[in-house]
């Protein structure tokens, strides 16, 4: 049976806080196979990822590796979908201006996989239990409205469940089936954490088969490589790039 619950009792996180200790105190106990899922915002706060930015757009630019798409709304607001230094494709490079001190914004954790492994290691030592950790952030999806939580960091957790080579219920071979279970777990915990409940950490129990060694590939391995990405650019941007290439070839 799968169980998912949020941890109550965590204080407001401040720079320098020991998240593993605070999470351990709130959890009370953890068992072999438990997966602790942590909202990235509190990781960023603990790591002091605040930057002074009177203009959020400047902060987004500083965190942009490449622009995938940019659109201006009728009201004049510009939305940018970009790749950030973690390789994640998201709106606004993951720069967060909500619930931050006036005149500041919050960047994503510098290395969420490393942080997830560090927290997992500390929790394993404290509870003498084989525990995994996932760090999440809220992202939109191509072709679909709304947002869901996704894994951006993982420590001691298999981020994929590789079913290739197995058979379905009808006996047919599965050729490409490889669920991103880290993202599925991230989305499931968002149902209990919520966005305004001040419970940024949840525990998943019942998928101990996904918990493994601390040096398993992290969430960075979820990001599709550029050369195999069929949707590297927005529609308008791809059209403009193709038109420019065609003109260059015709010269």
Protein backbone atom coordinates (compact mmCIF):
# COMPACT_ATOMS: atom_id res chain seq x y z
CA UNK A 1 0.00 0.00 0.00
CA UNK A 2 1.25 3.43 -0.91
CA UNK A 3 1.11 6.08 1.83
CA UNK A 4 1.87 9.78 1.38
CA UNK A 5 1.77 12.39 4.14
CA UNK A 6 3.13 15.88 4.78
CA UNK A 7 5.31 16.68 7.78
CA UNK A 8 3.96 19.26 10.20
CA UNK A 9 6.04 21.30 12.62
CA UNK A 10 8.82 22.59 10.39
CA UNK A 11 9.85 26.17 11.23
CA UNK A 12 10.33 28.96 8.71
CA UNK A 13 13.58 28.03 7.01
CA UNK A 14 16.45 30.50 7.16
CA UNK A 15 19.89 30.62 5.60
CA UNK A 16 22.26 28.16 7.22
CA UNK A 17 19.57 25.89 8.68
CA UNK A 18 20.38 22.18 8.81
CA UNK A 19 17.51 20.71 6.78
CA UNK A 20 18.36 17.10 7.60
CA UNK A 21 18.11 17.81 11.32
CA UNK A 22 14.89 19.81 11.01
CA UNK A 23 13.26 17.21 8.77
CA UNK A 24 14.37 14.42 11.07
CA UNK A 25 12.91 16.22 14.08
CA UNK A 26 9.59 16.74 12.27
CA UNK A 27 9.46 13.14 11.03
CA UNK A 28 10.21 11.57 14.38
CA UNK A 29 11.05 8.28 12.70
CA UNK A 30 11.64 6.92 9.22
CA UNK A 31 11.72 3.37 7.93
CA UNK A 32 13.67 1.45 5.31
CA UNK A 33 12.35 2.40 1.88
CA UNK A 34 10.82 5.73 2.90
CA UNK A 35 11.27 8.56 0.38
CA UNK A 36 11.43 12.11 1.75
CA UNK A 37 10.26 14.71 -0.77
CA UNK A 38 11.34 18.31 -0.24
CA UNK A 39 10.12 21.48 -1.96
CA UNK A 40 13.11 23.22 -3.53
CA UNK A 41 12.23 26.61 -2.05
CA UNK A 42 13.28 25.61 1.47
CA UNK A 43 16.49 24.11 0.09
CA UNK A 44 17.24 27.40 -1.66
CA UNK A 45 16.47 29.35 1.53
CA UNK A 46 18.77 27.15 3.62
CA UNK A 47 21.50 27.56 1.00
CA UNK A 48 21.09 31.34 0.95
CA UNK A 49 20.17 31.50 -2.72
CA UNK A 50 18.67 34.98 -2.35
CA UNK A 51 19.90 37.62 -4.75
CA UNK A 52 19.21 41.33 -4.72
CA UNK A 53 17.06 42.03 -7.74
CA UNK A 54 14.88 45.09 -8.03
CA UNK A 55 14.05 43.80 -11.51
CA UNK A 56 13.14 40.08 -11.60
CA UNK A 57 13.75 40.05 -15.36
CA UNK A 58 17.44 40.78 -14.79
CA UNK A 59 17.66 37.83 -12.43
CA UNK A 60 15.98 35.60 -15.03
CA UNK A 61 18.48 36.75 -17.65
CA UNK A 62 21.38 35.91 -15.33
CA UNK A 63 20.04 32.35 -14.96
CA UNK A 64 19.35 31.82 -18.66
CA UNK A 65 21.61 29.48 -20.63
CA UNK A 66 19.41 29.69 -23.74
CA UNK A 67 15.98 30.99 -24.63
CA UNK A 68 13.57 28.32 -25.86
CA UNK A 69 10.58 30.59 -26.43
CA UNK A 70 9.46 34.09 -25.54
CA UNK A 71 5.98 35.59 -25.82
CA UNK A 72 4.52 39.00 -25.03
CA UNK A 73 0.98 39.01 -23.67
CA UNK A 74 -1.62 41.66 -24.67
CA UNK A 75 -0.88 43.40 -21.37
CA UNK A 76 2.78 43.74 -22.32
CA UNK A 77 4.13 41.09 -19.94
CA UNK A 78 6.93 38.95 -21.39
CA UNK A 79 7.00 35.24 -20.59
CA UNK A 80 10.27 33.46 -21.24
CA UNK A 81 10.74 29.69 -21.39
CA UNK A 82 14.45 29.09 -20.92
CA UNK A 83 17.09 26.53 -20.05
CA UNK A 84 18.72 27.30 -16.71
CA UNK A 85 22.18 26.24 -15.45
CA UNK A 86 20.74 22.94 -14.16
CA UNK A 87 19.60 22.05 -17.70
CA UNK A 88 15.94 22.41 -16.70
CA UNK A 89 13.56 23.97 -19.23
CA UNK A 90 11.08 26.17 -17.37
CA UNK A 91 9.38 29.53 -17.26
CA UNK A 92 11.50 32.30 -15.77
CA UNK A 93 14.50 29.97 -15.19
CA UNK A 94 12.94 28.90 -11.90
CA UNK A 95 13.52 32.35 -10.38
CA UNK A 96 11.00 32.81 -7.56
CA UNK A 97 9.81 36.17 -6.24
CA UNK A 98 7.06 34.86 -3.94
CA UNK A 99 7.49 34.86 -0.15
CA UNK A 100 10.92 36.46 -0.36
CA UNK A 101 12.20 39.65 1.33
CA UNK A 102 11.40 42.87 -0.50
CA UNK A 103 13.84 43.55 -3.31
CA UNK A 104 15.09 39.96 -3.52
CA UNK A 105 14.37 36.84 -5.53
CA UNK A 106 15.20 33.23 -4.85
CA UNK A 107 17.21 31.06 -7.23
CA UNK A 108 16.95 27.29 -7.47
CA UNK A 109 19.43 25.22 -5.43
CA UNK A 110 22.91 25.23 -6.90
CA UNK A 111 23.23 21.42 -7.07
CA UNK A 112 19.98 19.73 -6.01
CA UNK A 113 21.29 16.21 -6.65
CA UNK A 114 24.24 16.76 -4.32
CA UNK A 115 21.98 18.31 -1.68
CA UNK A 116 19.51 15.41 -1.93
CA UNK A 117 22.33 12.90 -1.45
CA UNK A 118 23.68 14.83 1.54
CA UNK A 119 20.28 14.97 3.26
CA UNK A 120 19.61 11.29 2.47
CA UNK A 121 22.97 10.34 3.96
CA UNK A 122 22.26 12.28 7.17
CA UNK A 123 18.77 10.81 7.54
CA UNK A 124 20.09 7.28 6.95
CA UNK A 125 22.65 7.75 9.69
CA UNK A 126 20.15 9.26 12.14
CA UNK A 127 17.42 6.64 11.71
CA UNK A 128 19.56 3.66 10.68
CA UNK A 129 17.18 3.29 7.74
CA UNK A 130 17.68 3.16 3.96
CA UNK A 131 15.95 6.44 3.05
CA UNK A 132 15.77 8.24 -0.29
CA UNK A 133 15.34 11.97 -0.95
CA UNK A 134 13.75 13.86 -3.84
CA UNK A 135 13.84 17.64 -4.24
CA UNK A 136 11.01 19.14 -6.30
CA UNK A 137 10.04 22.27 -8.16
CA UNK A 138 6.83 23.30 -9.90
CA UNK A 139 6.97 23.25 -13.70
CA UNK A 140 4.55 23.64 -16.57
CA UNK A 141 4.18 21.04 -19.33
CA UNK A 142 4.20 21.42 -23.10
CA UNK A 143 0.72 21.04 -24.63
CA UNK A 144 -1.04 21.06 -21.24
CA UNK A 145 -2.37 23.84 -19.01
CA UNK A 146 -1.47 24.08 -15.34
CA UNK A 147 1.60 22.98 -13.45
CA UNK A 148 2.77 19.95 -11.47
CA UNK A 149 5.74 19.24 -9.24
CA UNK A 150 8.74 17.56 -10.86
CA UNK A 151 11.96 16.11 -9.44
CA UNK A 152 14.98 18.40 -9.81
CA UNK A 153 17.18 16.56 -7.32
CA UNK A 154 17.41 12.95 -6.15
CA UNK A 155 19.59 11.06 -3.70
CA UNK A 156 19.40 7.31 -3.17
CA UNK A 157 16.35 6.93 -5.42
CA UNK A 158 15.92 5.33 -8.83
CA UNK A 159 14.46 8.18 -10.90
CA UNK A 160 13.26 5.79 -13.64
CA UNK A 161 11.51 2.44 -13.45
CA UNK A 162 12.83 0.65 -16.52
CA UNK A 163 10.18 -1.78 -17.80
CA UNK A 164 11.76 -2.33 -21.20
CA UNK A 165 12.07 -6.00 -22.04
CA UNK A 166 9.18 -6.99 -19.78
CA UNK A 167 5.70 -7.88 -21.05
CA UNK A 168 2.31 -6.26 -20.58
CA UNK A 169 -0.82 -7.98 -19.27
CA UNK A 170 -1.45 -9.43 -22.74
CA UNK A 171 2.04 -10.82 -23.06
CA UNK A 172 3.26 -8.20 -25.52
CA UNK A 173 6.85 -6.95 -25.04
CA UNK A 174 7.37 -3.47 -23.65
CA UNK A 175 9.83 -1.67 -25.94
CA UNK A 176 10.09 1.90 -24.65
CA UNK A 177 8.21 1.93 -21.33
CA UNK A 178 10.32 3.73 -18.73
CA UNK A 179 8.17 5.72 -16.29
CA UNK A 180 9.88 8.69 -14.63
CA UNK A 181 8.87 7.59 -11.14
CA UNK A 182 10.72 10.48 -9.50
CA UNK A 183 8.38 12.94 -11.24
CA UNK A 184 5.36 10.79 -10.38
CA UNK A 185 6.33 10.79 -6.71
CA UNK A 186 6.95 14.54 -6.81
CA UNK A 187 3.47 15.16 -8.20
CA UNK A 188 1.84 12.81 -5.69
CA UNK A 189 3.38 14.59 -2.71
CA UNK A 190 2.23 17.97 -3.99
CA UNK A 191 -1.32 16.80 -3.27
CA UNK A 192 -0.55 16.71 0.45
CA UNK A 193 2.02 19.49 0.71
CA UNK A 194 -0.04 22.15 -1.05
CA UNK A 195 1.21 25.62 -1.96
CA UNK A 196 0.04 27.66 1.02
CA UNK A 197 -0.06 25.12 3.86
CA UNK A 198 3.55 25.73 5.00
CA UNK A 199 4.23 22.00 4.88
CA UNK A 200 7.03 21.79 2.29
CA UNK A 201 8.14 18.23 3.08
CA UNK A 202 6.32 14.94 2.60
CA UNK A 203 7.09 11.27 3.08
CA UNK A 204 6.21 8.46 0.67
CA UNK A 205 6.03 4.93 2.06
CA UNK A 206 5.38 1.81 0.01
CA UNK A 207 7.89 2.16 -2.84
CA UNK A 208 11.00 0.93 -1.11
CA UNK A 209 11.89 -0.89 -4.33
CA UNK A 210 12.92 2.48 -5.73
CA UNK A 211 15.38 3.26 -2.91
CA UNK A 212 19.00 2.33 -3.53
CA UNK A 213 22.58 3.48 -3.18
CA UNK A 214 23.33 7.15 -2.66
CA UNK A 215 25.36 7.36 -5.86
CA UNK A 216 22.46 6.41 -8.16
CA UNK A 217 22.01 8.81 -11.10
CA UNK A 218 20.21 11.91 -9.86
CA UNK A 219 17.44 14.02 -11.34
CA UNK A 220 19.88 15.63 -13.76
CA UNK A 221 19.67 12.37 -15.73
CA UNK A 222 15.98 13.10 -16.40
CA UNK A 223 16.76 16.10 -18.57
CA UNK A 224 16.67 15.10 -22.23
CA UNK A 225 19.89 15.77 -24.13
CA UNK A 226 19.81 18.59 -26.68
CA UNK A 227 20.60 16.33 -29.63
CA UNK A 228 17.64 14.03 -28.90
CA UNK A 229 15.16 16.79 -28.03
CA UNK A 230 12.53 17.10 -30.77
CA UNK A 231 11.20 20.36 -29.30
CA UNK A 232 14.33 22.42 -28.73
CA UNK A 233 12.61 25.69 -29.65
CA UNK A 234 9.18 27.26 -29.56
CA UNK A 235 7.18 27.26 -32.80
CA UNK A 236 7.87 30.90 -33.69
CA UNK A 237 11.54 30.59 -32.79
CA UNK A 238 11.97 27.42 -34.86
CA UNK A 239 10.25 29.06 -37.83
CA UNK A 240 12.47 32.13 -37.57
CA UNK A 241 15.62 29.99 -37.30
CA UNK A 242 14.60 27.90 -40.34
CA UNK A 243 13.81 31.02 -42.35
CA UNK A 244 17.17 32.54 -41.46
CA UNK A 245 19.00 29.32 -42.42
CA UNK A 246 17.16 29.20 -45.75
CA UNK A 247 18.08 32.79 -46.54
CA UNK A 248 21.71 32.15 -45.64
CA UNK A 249 21.85 29.11 -47.93
CA UNK A 250 20.35 31.12 -50.79
CA UNK A 251 22.97 33.82 -50.65
